[in-house]
Amino acid sequence: MNDKIEKAIEYYTIKSKEVIEYINSNHQLTAEEIIQCAEELSILEYKLTALEVAKES
């Protein structure tokens, strides 16, 4: 089970970095696009937190 959790953590970490890179590399994002990316990042971070807790259990 821990192997699946580790793989999920890796996946969501990569996805989070991709969103951050997208935000940082685009200088013409609209406010709506920034909000949408922030929401996506928030969801990814929530999932990462949940997986870290599950890993510790």
C-alpha atoms as a PDB file:
ATOM      1  CA  MET A   1       0.000   0.000   0.000  1.00  0.00           C
ATOM      2  CA  ASN A   2       2.856   2.380   0.809  1.00  0.00           C
ATOM      3  CA  ASP A   3       4.187   1.968  -2.731  1.00  0.00           C
ATOM      4  CA  LYS A   4       0.883   3.214  -4.176  1.00  0.00           C
ATOM      5  CA  ILE A   5       0.881   6.150  -1.800  1.00  0.00           C
ATOM      6  CA  GLU A   6       4.455   7.042  -2.769  1.00  0.00           C
ATOM      7  CA  LYS A   7       3.575   6.914  -6.480  1.00  0.00           C
ATOM      8  CA  ALA A   8       0.524   9.120  -5.898  1.00  0.00           C
ATOM      9  CA  ILE A   9       2.639  11.609  -3.938  1.00  0.00           C
ATOM     10  CA  GLU A  10       5.163  11.733  -6.774  1.00  0.00           C
ATOM     11  CA  TYR A  11       2.392  12.243  -9.344  1.00  0.00           C
ATOM     12  CA  TYR A  12       0.679  15.065  -7.462  1.00  0.00           C
ATOM     13  CA  THR A  13       4.016  16.714  -6.696  1.00  0.00           C
ATOM     14  CA  ILE A  14       4.854  16.775 -10.407  1.00  0.00           C
ATOM     15  CA  LYS A  15       1.402  18.139 -11.264  1.00  0.00           C
ATOM     16  CA  SER A  16       1.774  20.886  -8.617  1.00  0.00           C
ATOM     17  CA  LYS A  17       5.143  21.893 -10.035  1.00  0.00           C
ATOM     18  CA  GLU A  18       3.667  22.006 -13.542  1.00  0.00           C
ATOM     19  CA  VAL A  19       0.908  24.374 -12.416  1.00  0.00           C
ATOM     20  CA  ILE A  20       3.395  26.616 -10.623  1.00  0.00           C
ATOM     21  CA  GLU A  21       5.687  26.671 -13.672  1.00  0.00           C
ATOM     22  CA  TYR A  22       2.722  27.509 -15.902  1.00  0.00           C
ATOM     23  CA  ILE A  23       1.740  30.440 -13.692  1.00  0.00           C
ATOM     24  CA  ASN A  24       5.304  31.723 -13.407  1.00  0.00           C
ATOM     25  CA  SER A  25       6.081  31.423 -17.112  1.00  0.00           C
ATOM     26  CA  ASN A  26       2.961  33.194 -18.406  1.00  0.00           C
ATOM     27  CA  HIS A  27       3.009  36.930 -17.916  1.00  0.00           C
ATOM     28  CA  GLN A  28      -0.317  37.581 -19.633  1.00  0.00           C
ATOM     29  CA  LEU A  29      -2.656  35.484 -17.504  1.00  0.00           C
ATOM     30  CA  THR A  30      -6.044  36.954 -16.758  1.00  0.00           C
ATOM     31  CA  ALA A  31      -7.327  37.147 -13.209  1.00  0.00           C
ATOM     32  CA  GLU A  32      -9.749  34.328 -14.001  1.00  0.00           C
ATOM     33  CA  GLU A  33      -6.919  32.096 -15.233  1.00  0.00           C
ATOM     34  CA  ILE A  34      -4.863  32.814 -12.127  1.00  0.00           C
ATOM     35  CA  ILE A  35      -7.816  31.976  -9.896  1.00  0.00           C
ATOM     36  CA  GLN A  36      -8.464  28.757 -11.818  1.00  0.00           C
ATOM     37  CA  CYS A  37      -4.822  27.713 -11.490  1.00  0.00           C
ATOM     38  CA  ALA A  38      -4.825  28.581  -7.807  1.00  0.00           C
ATOM     39  CA  GLU A  39      -7.904  26.418  -7.270  1.00  0.00           C
ATOM     40  CA  GLU A  40      -6.240  23.525  -9.068  1.00  0.00           C
ATOM     41  CA  LEU A  41      -3.077  23.998  -7.027  1.00  0.00           C
ATOM     42  CA  SER A  42      -5.106  24.099  -3.822  1.00  0.00           C
ATOM     43  CA  ILE A  43      -6.760  20.775  -4.685  1.00  0.00           C
ATOM     44  CA  LEU A  44      -3.405  19.196  -5.499  1.00  0.00           C
ATOM     45  CA  GLU A  45      -1.888  20.422  -2.231  1.00  0.00           C
ATOM     46  CA  TYR A  46      -4.889  19.093  -0.292  1.00  0.00           C
ATOM     47  CA  LYS A  47      -4.419  15.677  -1.906  1.00  0.00           C
ATOM     48  CA  LEU A  48      -0.716  15.732  -1.121  1.00  0.00           C
ATOM     49  CA  THR A  49      -1.430  16.540   2.507  1.00  0.00           C
ATOM     50  CA  ALA A  50      -3.949  13.694   2.750  1.00  0.00           C
ATOM     51  CA  LEU A  51      -1.484  11.272   1.189  1.00  0.00           C
ATOM     52  CA  GLU A  52       1.282  12.330   3.582  1.00  0.00           C
ATOM     53  CA  VAL A  53      -1.055  11.698   6.517  1.00  0.00           C
ATOM     54  CA  ALA A  54      -2.021   8.301   5.106  1.00  0.00           C
ATOM     55  CA  LYS A  55       1.641   7.462   4.644  1.00  0.00           C
ATOM     56  CA  GLU A  56       2.355   8.183   8.309  1.00  0.00           C
ATOM     57  CA  SER A  57      -0.501   5.953   9.495  1.00  0.00           C
END
